[in-house]
C-alpha cells in the first residue's frame, strides 16, 4: 500500500504539535499519513473514513483524532461527488 506521509515541518508552524483541520466530505482525500497528531472536524457533508481495514461513516459535526503515521483516507458518499 503506497501513500504519502505529510510532514509537520512543511505544513505547520515550528512550535505546533497538533494540526487542527476543518474539512468537508464533498472532496475525496486520498490515502495518506502524517508525522504529527491531527484533530479533524467535519464541517459539512457525509461519507466515510478508512483507517486500515476499518470503514467508518462520517458526517457534519463529527470529529476525530489521528495519531502520527496512521494511513487513512476519506471520501464523500457517491451522491455528493
Protein backbone atom coordinates (compact mmCIF):
# COMPACT_ATOMS: atom_id res chain seq x y z
CA UNK A 1 0.00 0.00 0.00
CA UNK A 2 1.58 3.26 -1.13
CA UNK A 3 0.74 6.59 0.42
CA UNK A 4 2.27 9.98 1.06
CA UNK A 5 3.38 10.97 4.55
CA UNK A 6 2.64 14.63 5.18
CA UNK A 7 5.38 16.26 7.23
CA UNK A 8 4.89 18.74 10.04
CA UNK A 9 7.92 20.79 9.00
CA UNK A 10 6.16 21.56 5.69
CA UNK A 11 2.60 22.11 6.96
CA UNK A 12 2.81 23.54 10.47
CA UNK A 13 4.47 26.29 12.46
CA UNK A 14 7.71 25.18 14.20
CA UNK A 15 6.22 25.08 17.74
CA UNK A 16 2.94 23.40 16.77
CA UNK A 17 2.42 19.82 17.93
CA UNK A 18 -1.12 19.17 16.71
CA UNK A 19 -2.73 20.06 13.38
CA UNK A 20 -6.38 21.09 13.53
CA UNK A 21 -8.30 20.62 10.27
CA UNK A 22 -11.80 21.62 9.25
CA UNK A 23 -12.95 19.72 6.21
CA UNK A 24 -16.00 18.71 4.27
CA UNK A 25 -16.69 15.34 2.72
CA UNK A 26 -17.56 16.57 -0.75
CA UNK A 27 -13.97 16.05 -1.90
CA UNK A 28 -12.01 12.80 -1.69
CA UNK A 29 -8.87 12.88 0.44
CA UNK A 30 -6.64 10.06 -0.86
CA UNK A 31 -4.71 7.64 1.33
CA UNK A 32 -2.04 9.45 3.34
CA UNK A 33 -0.46 9.66 6.79
CA UNK A 34 1.29 12.42 8.74
CA UNK A 35 4.16 12.59 11.17
CA UNK A 36 2.06 14.64 13.61
CA UNK A 37 -1.23 14.39 15.54
CA UNK A 38 -4.26 15.64 13.61
CA UNK A 39 -7.62 16.72 15.00
CA UNK A 40 -10.26 16.77 12.23
CA UNK A 41 -13.72 18.37 12.35
CA UNK A 42 -16.19 17.52 9.58
CA UNK A 43 -17.69 20.87 8.66
CA UNK A 44 -20.20 19.59 6.08
CA UNK A 45 -21.24 16.60 4.02
CA UNK A 46 -21.26 12.88 4.70
CA UNK A 47 -19.14 9.97 3.60
CA UNK A 48 -16.67 7.53 5.07
CA UNK A 49 -13.26 7.46 6.69
CA UNK A 50 -10.97 4.47 6.10
CA UNK A 51 -8.30 3.61 8.66
CA UNK A 52 -6.66 0.32 7.74
CA UNK A 53 -9.46 -2.18 7.18
CA UNK A 54 -11.97 -0.16 9.22
CA UNK A 55 -14.55 1.88 7.33
CA UNK A 56 -16.39 4.42 9.49
CA UNK A 57 -19.29 6.65 8.47
CA UNK A 58 -18.64 10.37 8.92
CA UNK A 59 -20.98 13.36 8.70
CA UNK A 60 -21.23 17.04 9.54
CA UNK A 61 -20.39 17.63 13.19
CA UNK A 62 -18.16 14.56 13.63
CA UNK A 63 -14.58 14.89 14.79
CA UNK A 64 -11.71 12.50 15.20
CA UNK A 65 -8.11 12.46 16.38
CA UNK A 66 -5.43 10.69 14.36
CA UNK A 67 -2.13 9.53 15.78
CA UNK A 68 1.06 10.07 13.78
CA UNK A 69 1.91 7.63 10.96
CA UNK A 70 -1.60 6.14 10.62
CA UNK A 71 -2.54 5.74 6.92
CA UNK A 72 -6.10 6.89 6.31
CA UNK A 73 -8.40 8.40 3.69
CA UNK A 74 -11.88 9.82 3.45
CA UNK A 75 -14.36 10.23 0.64
CA UNK A 76 -17.88 11.54 0.05
CA UNK A 77 -20.94 9.41 -0.43
CA UNK A 78 -21.50 8.85 -4.16
CA UNK A 79 -24.48 11.20 -4.32
CA UNK A 80 -22.26 14.11 -3.13
CA UNK A 81 -19.34 13.82 -5.57
